């Protein structure tokens, strides 16, 4: 399913409708940019993420944080640790947030 291409006059009309007056030489560029963004978003809408968890459940190191001790020692999450690096169960007042 494809949408009609946004023309430069339409881009100017939509910009003016939101209170943004574009110089004449910018209409074509804005229309092309809007069309590109629309094409990228259309492709993203078609992707099947299946069992991919939401971003709030993902960490770059692969841990989820659901399990006690499942947070890396250098993770700046505000967890106080004892000398052995084990979580104390208390909030770290010196943690960078």
Foldseek 3Di string as FASTA:
>chain_A
DDDDQQALVNQQVVCVVVVHHDDSVCSRVSSVVVRVVVVVVVVVVPDDPDPDDPPLQDDPVGFRPPDQVSDDLPDLPQFDADPVSHGPPDGHPPGDD
